[in-house]
Amino acid sequence: MAGVEPFLTEQAELQRRRADGCSGGLTFTYRDPETATDVRRAFPWAERLIVLAHPYLPAAGSPGPGRPGTGRVARFATADHYRPLRDASTPSPAGSTRRGITPRCCATTPG
C-alpha cells in the first residue's frame, strides 16, 4: 500500500523522453504524463494506492523469429491478461465498507 503522491521523477522522465522523440508514438502513457503519474488527477477521491502485477509473457509464449511478408500480434493480446488482476482486486462488499472505506478497483489498459 502506498500514498497517492505524484510520481514526479517518473513524470520528468516521461516528459524528457517525449520531448526527445523517444515515445515511439505510444500515447497510452506519453500523451498525458501528468495524469499518468498522478493518481489523483484521474481519481481525486483516492487516499491509498495498492498496486498488483501479473506476468503475461510466459503464458503468451515467444513469437519466434520474424518472417518476411508476415505480421505479429502483441503477446499481451493472446487473452484477457487483466482478468486475474481484476479477480484478485474485486472489493469484498462486506469488507472495508463497514469501516467507512469505499474501495474501488481501477485497472488501466492501453488504448
Foldseek 3Di string as FASTA:
>chain_A
DAFQAFPVVVLVVLVVCVVVVNPVPQCQCNVDVRCNRGVCVVPVPDGGDDDDDDDQDVVLDDPPDDDPPDDDDDSCPPDPRCVVVCVVPPDDPPPPVVVVDDDDDDDDDGD
